[in-house]
Every structure is written in structure tokens, then in C-alpha cells.
Amino acid sequence: MTTELDVAYPARKLAARLATAACCAAVAIALVPLLAVLFYVAKRGLGALSVSFFTELPRPVGERGGGMANAIGGTIELVLLASAMGIPIGIAAGLFLAEYRTTRLARVVRFSADVLAGVPSIIVGVVVYATVVVRMQHFSTLAGAGALAILMLPLVARTTDELARTVPDSLREAALALGASRWRIAIHVVLRTAAPGIRAGCMLAVARVCGETAPLLFTAFNNRFWNESFADPTSSLQVQIFTYAMSPYDDWHAQAWAAALVLVAMVVVLNLAARRVLRGPKPA
């Protein structure tokens, strides 16, 4: 005797297969533009990579050759300085949001972080230009790093907030029973427990600011030479790509593609590292 379950099972099985096929097709469609960009950048940029690209400074206008050693160093300098500014403040803000989540101030800070995450990066650059560059009366590495740090803040803060909330309240209660204060619990219990996910979120924030160009045009600007201090303008791969791509010289176009390949490689490595940190070590 055929039951209703026997009739419904093939239909459910077919629906499951169709849903799986649709998901696989969606993933393939999403990967097509990503792989196309990676392939095209690698195709155009590999031919221009050389030892001189990583060791020499840009040549004057009209001369062939040279490299982007100062831009690579400037990008690393900007990202490290921005991380030193933005990550500690973002983590502290995230811990505050998680531990005092029901207070009015926490709701205001959470809403502000969500709004800041959606602000275009060029607006951040203009604000830093008006408040820092105009007052200092010159472009600087500090101004560029400050703009990137502002862009990092909401992502780090909201990531820390969400991951700190996943820490069981039983751990907090146990620490309170032992006489620990709220700030010690936040640092030694909550932060340590959620550390792998927070590290991954910080790496993703760094990967995001690695590709920002508009804020640097208004803050760090550019420099054909090595910057001697944080108060000097500095070159960066992002701005160099923009400058070289707008030029009429084929050699500069080739170097712009090479710089784009290096920048994409940095972003890919940071994202892979974030995923590795998030997964954690494999069990023995």
C-alpha cells in the first residue's frame, strides 16, 4: 500500500537536488568575476614584475624603468600605522559594546559604528583633510594612516562585539564569583576566549584598507622619494596605480598593472590568513 510519505519523498528529493544545483550555479556565477579579475591582473602584471620593481624608486617622467620600492614601503607603513591606531580602539569599543550592551551609550556607539561602516571612504578622506591636513598645512603619513584607521574602526568594533557576545555568560559568572572586576573579565576572559575570531576580523579590516585610494589622495598624497618621517607625504601602491594609469606612457601603464598585482596578492594573503586563523589549529 502506497503511503503519503512514499509519494512525497521523491518530490522532496528532487527539490533538494534542484536547490543544491541552484546553489552550486550561484557560487560559480559569483566566482566568475573574481577569477576573471585575478587572471587579467596576473596576465598584465606578471610581465612587468622584476627585481628593480621592488628595489628602485620611480624614474622621472619620460624615462623608462625604475620601480615602486617607496610605494611598497609606504603602503606597509601606512597599514601598520593605521592598524596601531585603529585596532586597539576598535577592540576596546567592541568589548564595551558586548559587556554593556543594554546601556544607552552602547546603543549609540553601535548605531554610530554601523553608520560609519557605510560612509564612503572619500568622505572620510575629505574630513581628515579638513581637520588634519589643513591645520598641519601639508600632507603627511600620519594623516593617511588616520584616515585608514577610521575606516578600520567600525569593522573591528562590530566584529569584536559580535564575537564577545558568543562567550558563554557562565564564564563571566565564574570570574565574578572569584572576585574579578568587570574590566579584568573583559580582558582576561572574554577577549582571550574570542581572540581567534577577533584576529580574523582585524585581518579582514586590514585587507579592506589595503585597497583604499580616495582617502590617501587627500591625506598622504604621494612622494617620489622615501619619506623621512611620519610628518612627510608618502607614496603608496594605491595612489601610484592611480597616477600611472592616468599617464600617457606605456611603461607606466605596465608598472601600474604590476603594482595592482602586488596589491591584490597582499589582499588575498590577508584574507587567506584570516580564514586560517578563524578555523584554528587542526586537532591532533
Protein backbone atom coordinates (compact mmCIF):
# COMPACT_ATOMS: atom_id res chain seq x y z
CA MET A 1 0.00 0.00 0.00
CA THR A 2 1.42 3.37 -1.05
CA THR A 3 1.51 5.91 1.77
CA GLU A 4 1.54 9.69 1.59
CA LEU A 5 5.18 9.63 2.77
CA ASP A 6 6.21 7.39 -0.14
CA VAL A 7 4.62 9.83 -2.60
CA ALA A 8 6.17 12.95 -1.04
CA TYR A 9 9.72 11.54 -0.70
CA PRO A 10 10.66 11.67 -4.44
CA ALA A 11 9.33 15.23 -4.70
CA ARG A 12 11.38 16.33 -1.68
CA LYS A 13 14.44 14.58 -3.04
CA LEU A 14 14.05 16.31 -6.40
CA ALA A 15 13.55 19.68 -4.70
CA ALA A 16 16.71 19.12 -2.64
CA ARG A 17 18.72 18.30 -5.75
CA LEU A 18 17.39 21.33 -7.58
CA ALA A 19 18.24 23.57 -4.63
CA THR A 20 21.77 22.12 -4.44
CA ALA A 21 22.24 22.65 -8.18
CA ALA A 22 20.97 26.24 -7.90
CA CYS A 23 23.40 26.95 -5.04
CA CYS A 24 26.32 25.49 -7.00
CA ALA A 25 25.37 27.60 -10.03
CA ALA A 26 25.17 30.73 -7.87
CA VAL A 27 28.63 30.03 -6.43
CA ALA A 28 30.03 29.50 -9.93
CA ILE A 29 28.49 32.74 -11.17
CA ALA A 30 29.93 34.62 -8.19
CA LEU A 31 33.40 33.16 -8.81
CA VAL A 32 33.47 34.13 -12.49
CA PRO A 33 34.13 37.89 -12.00
CA LEU A 34 36.61 37.20 -9.17
CA LEU A 35 38.63 34.72 -11.22
CA ALA A 36 38.40 36.98 -14.27
CA VAL A 37 39.85 39.92 -12.33
CA LEU A 38 42.63 37.80 -10.82
CA PHE A 39 43.51 36.26 -14.18
CA TYR A 40 43.53 39.57 -16.05
CA VAL A 41 45.59 41.37 -13.41
CA ALA A 42 48.07 38.48 -13.28
CA LYS A 43 48.28 38.36 -17.07
CA ARG A 44 49.00 42.09 -17.37
CA GLY A 45 51.13 42.46 -14.25
CA LEU A 46 53.45 39.44 -14.28
CA GLY A 47 55.36 40.69 -17.31
CA ALA A 48 56.26 43.96 -15.56
CA LEU A 49 57.47 42.39 -12.31
CA SER A 50 61.23 42.42 -11.84
CA VAL A 51 63.85 42.88 -9.16
CA SER A 52 64.08 46.59 -9.98
CA PHE A 53 60.34 46.98 -9.42
CA PHE A 54 60.84 46.05 -5.74
CA THR A 55 64.19 47.79 -5.19
CA GLU A 56 64.27 51.02 -7.24
CA LEU A 57 62.48 54.36 -6.99
CA PRO A 58 60.28 55.75 -9.78
CA ARG A 59 62.13 57.31 -12.68
CA PRO A 60 61.44 60.90 -13.84
CA VAL A 61 58.69 61.49 -16.37
CA GLY A 62 59.62 60.13 -19.79
CA GLU A 63 62.38 57.76 -18.60
CA ARG A 64 61.80 54.03 -18.79
CA GLY A 65 62.49 51.61 -15.97
CA GLY A 66 62.51 52.26 -12.28
CA GLY A 67 60.31 50.66 -9.68
CA MET A 68 57.95 51.22 -6.77
CA ALA A 69 60.07 50.38 -3.76
CA ASN A 70 58.95 53.55 -1.97
CA ALA A 71 55.30 52.84 -2.75
CA ILE A 72 55.53 49.29 -1.39
CA GLY A 73 57.27 50.54 1.75
CA GLY A 74 54.79 53.40 2.08
CA THR A 75 51.81 51.06 1.81
CA ILE A 76 53.21 48.79 4.52
CA GLU A 77 54.00 51.81 6.68
CA LEU A 78 50.50 53.26 6.26
CA VAL A 79 48.77 49.96 7.00
CA LEU A 80 50.91 49.21 10.08
CA LEU A 81 50.43 52.72 11.47
CA ALA A 82 46.68 52.60 10.78
CA SER A 83 46.47 49.20 12.48
CA ALA A 84 48.30 50.56 15.52
CA MET A 85 45.74 53.38 15.69
CA GLY A 86 42.51 51.62 14.77
CA ILE A 87 42.72 48.04 16.05
CA PRO A 88 43.23 48.73 19.80
CA ILE A 89 40.48 51.36 19.84
CA GLY A 90 38.17 49.12 17.82
CA ILE A 91 38.71 46.14 20.12
CA ALA A 92 38.17 48.29 23.21
CA ALA A 93 34.95 49.69 21.72
CA GLY A 94 33.76 46.20 20.81
CA LEU A 95 34.37 44.90 24.33
CA PHE A 96 32.45 47.85 25.73
CA LEU A 97 29.53 47.15 23.40
CA ALA A 98 29.47 43.49 24.42
CA GLU A 99 29.83 43.97 28.16
CA TYR A 100 27.49 46.98 28.46
CA ARG A 101 25.18 46.07 25.60
CA THR A 102 21.98 47.27 27.27
CA THR A 103 23.15 50.79 28.16
CA ARG A 104 22.11 53.84 26.17
CA LEU A 105 25.72 54.74 25.37
CA ALA A 106 26.33 51.25 23.95
CA ARG A 107 23.31 51.58 21.67
CA VAL A 108 24.52 54.97 20.46
CA VAL A 109 28.04 53.66 19.81
CA ARG A 110 26.72 50.59 17.99
CA PHE A 111 24.49 52.72 15.78
CA SER A 112 27.37 55.12 15.09
CA ALA A 113 29.64 52.23 14.11
CA ASP A 114 27.04 50.88 11.71
CA VAL A 115 26.63 54.32 10.13
CA LEU A 116 30.39 54.86 9.88
CA ALA A 117 30.79 51.49 8.16
CA GLY A 118 28.53 52.73 5.36
CA VAL A 119 30.17 56.14 4.89
CA PRO A 120 32.08 56.37 1.56
CA SER A 121 35.83 56.33 2.07
CA ILE A 122 36.28 59.56 0.11
CA ILE A 123 34.15 61.38 2.71
CA VAL A 124 36.50 60.15 5.42
CA GLY A 125 39.43 61.43 3.37
CA VAL A 126 37.85 64.86 2.96
CA VAL A 127 37.10 65.11 6.69
CA VAL A 128 40.66 64.17 7.65
CA TYR A 129 41.95 66.63 5.05
CA ALA A 130 39.89 69.44 6.57
CA THR A 131 40.72 68.61 10.19
CA VAL A 132 44.34 67.43 9.96
CA VAL A 133 45.99 68.34 6.66
CA VAL A 134 44.68 71.91 6.59
CA ARG A 135 45.78 72.51 10.18
CA MET A 136 49.23 70.98 9.57
CA GLN A 137 49.40 72.84 6.23
CA HIS A 138 50.88 69.82 4.44
CA PHE A 139 50.11 66.22 3.59
CA SER A 140 51.55 63.55 5.86
CA THR A 141 51.81 59.85 6.56
CA LEU A 142 50.01 60.38 9.86
CA ALA A 143 47.00 61.90 8.13
CA GLY A 144 46.81 58.99 5.67
CA ALA A 145 47.11 56.41 8.43
CA GLY A 146 44.47 58.24 10.46
CA ALA A 147 42.01 58.09 7.57
CA LEU A 148 42.62 54.36 7.13
CA ALA A 149 42.27 53.82 10.89
CA ILE A 150 38.84 55.48 10.84
CA LEU A 151 37.78 53.08 8.09
CA MET A 152 39.01 50.13 10.16
CA LEU A 153 37.26 51.17 13.38
CA PRO A 154 33.65 50.09 12.67
CA LEU A 155 34.61 46.71 11.24
CA VAL A 156 36.92 45.84 14.15
CA ALA A 157 34.46 47.15 16.75
CA ARG A 158 31.42 45.30 15.38
CA THR A 159 33.41 42.08 14.86
CA THR A 160 34.68 42.23 18.45
CA ASP A 161 31.16 43.00 19.69
CA GLU A 162 29.57 40.04 17.91
CA LEU A 163 32.28 37.56 18.89
CA ALA A 164 32.43 38.73 22.52
CA ARG A 165 28.69 38.10 22.79
CA THR A 166 29.26 34.44 21.87
CA VAL A 167 31.36 33.93 25.02
CA PRO A 168 29.16 31.99 27.49
CA ASP A 169 27.87 34.03 30.42
CA SER A 170 28.85 31.15 32.69
CA LEU A 171 32.50 32.12 32.21
CA ARG A 172 31.74 35.69 33.25
CA GLU A 173 29.77 34.49 36.27
CA ALA A 174 32.60 32.18 37.32
CA ALA A 175 35.10 35.04 37.13
CA LEU A 176 32.75 37.29 39.11
CA ALA A 177 32.43 34.59 41.76
CA LEU A 178 36.22 34.59 42.10
CA GLY A 179 36.18 38.33 42.74
CA ALA A 180 37.39 39.57 39.35
CA SER A 181 36.39 43.07 38.27
CA ARG A 182 34.46 43.78 35.07
CA TRP A 183 37.49 45.09 33.19
CA ARG A 184 39.59 42.07 34.18
CA ILE A 185 36.82 39.77 32.98
CA ALA A 186 36.60 41.62 29.67
CA ILE A 187 40.35 41.41 29.04
CA HIS A 188 41.39 38.09 30.59
CA VAL A 189 38.25 36.03 29.98
CA VAL A 190 36.14 37.47 27.15
CA LEU A 191 38.98 38.78 24.98
CA ARG A 192 41.08 35.63 25.31
CA THR A 193 38.15 33.35 24.54
CA ALA A 194 37.12 35.31 21.44
CA ALA A 195 40.70 36.10 20.34
CA PRO A 196 40.87 33.85 17.23
CA GLY A 197 37.76 35.38 15.68
CA ILE A 198 38.81 38.90 16.63
CA ARG A 199 42.22 38.38 15.00
CA ALA A 200 40.47 37.22 11.82
CA GLY A 201 38.25 40.31 11.88
CA CYS A 202 41.30 42.56 12.29
CA MET A 203 42.98 40.91 9.30
CA LEU A 204 39.87 41.45 7.20
CA ALA A 205 39.82 45.11 8.24
CA VAL A 206 43.47 45.45 7.22
CA ALA A 207 42.71 43.76 3.89
CA ARG A 208 39.91 46.25 3.29
CA VAL A 209 42.01 49.37 3.84
CA CYS A 210 44.84 47.97 1.70
CA GLY A 211 42.77 48.79 -1.37
CA GLU A 212 41.56 52.26 -0.38
CA THR A 213 42.78 55.03 -2.67
CA ALA A 214 40.47 58.04 -2.28
CA PRO A 215 41.36 58.85 1.38
CA LEU A 216 45.08 58.76 0.59
CA LEU A 217 44.72 61.27 -2.24
CA PHE A 218 43.50 63.84 0.31
CA THR A 219 45.84 62.91 3.18
CA ALA A 220 49.13 61.11 2.39
CA PHE A 221 49.12 62.34 -1.24
CA ASN A 222 52.28 61.00 -2.92
CA ASN A 223 56.07 61.15 -2.82
CA ARG A 224 58.62 60.19 -5.49
CA PHE A 225 61.20 59.53 -2.77
CA TRP A 226 61.37 57.85 0.62
CA ASN A 227 59.59 59.77 3.36
CA GLU A 228 61.91 60.70 6.22
CA SER A 229 59.26 60.97 8.94
CA PHE A 230 55.57 60.44 9.60
CA ALA A 231 55.06 64.18 9.04
CA ASP A 232 56.07 63.88 5.37
CA PRO A 233 53.86 62.83 2.45
CA THR A 234 54.35 59.22 1.46
CA SER A 235 53.85 57.16 -1.63
CA SER A 236 51.53 54.15 -1.73
CA LEU A 237 50.68 51.47 -4.23
CA GLN A 238 47.09 52.67 -4.44
CA VAL A 239 47.99 56.24 -5.40
CA GLN A 240 50.82 55.10 -7.68
CA ILE A 241 48.40 52.88 -9.58
CA PHE A 242 46.02 55.80 -10.00
CA THR A 243 48.81 58.16 -11.11
CA TYR A 244 50.44 55.74 -13.53
CA ALA A 245 47.13 54.56 -15.00
CA MET A 246 46.21 58.17 -15.86
CA SER A 247 49.52 58.82 -17.60
CA PRO A 248 50.11 58.51 -21.39
CA TYR A 249 53.24 56.33 -21.00
CA ASP A 250 53.08 52.61 -21.79
CA ASP A 251 55.91 51.82 -19.35
CA TRP A 252 53.97 53.44 -16.51
CA HIS A 253 50.86 51.51 -17.52
CA ALA A 254 52.82 48.25 -17.25
CA GLN A 255 54.11 49.22 -13.82
CA ALA A 256 50.59 50.11 -12.74
CA TRP A 257 49.46 46.58 -13.61
CA ALA A 258 52.42 45.15 -11.69
CA ALA A 259 51.51 47.28 -8.66
CA ALA A 260 47.89 46.13 -8.95
CA LEU A 261 49.07 42.51 -8.93
CA VAL A 262 51.18 43.09 -5.81
CA LEU A 263 48.26 44.83 -4.08
CA VAL A 264 45.82 42.05 -4.99
CA ALA A 265 48.32 39.48 -3.73
CA MET A 266 48.54 41.31 -0.39
CA VAL A 267 44.75 41.34 -0.03
CA VAL A 268 44.44 37.64 -0.97
CA VAL A 269 47.15 36.63 1.51
CA LEU A 270 45.49 38.60 4.32
CA ASN A 271 42.09 37.04 3.59
CA LEU A 272 43.56 33.52 3.50
CA ALA A 273 45.39 34.20 6.76
CA ALA A 274 42.14 35.42 8.33
CA ARG A 275 40.35 32.23 7.30
CA ARG A 276 43.23 30.13 8.65
CA VAL A 277 43.16 31.96 11.99
CA LEU A 278 39.37 31.65 12.18
CA ARG A 279 39.50 27.87 11.63
CA GLY A 280 42.17 27.47 14.29
CA PRO A 281 44.69 24.63 14.58
CA LYS A 282 43.72 21.17 13.42
CA PRO A 283 43.03 18.68 16.21
CA ALA A 284 45.79 16.17 16.85
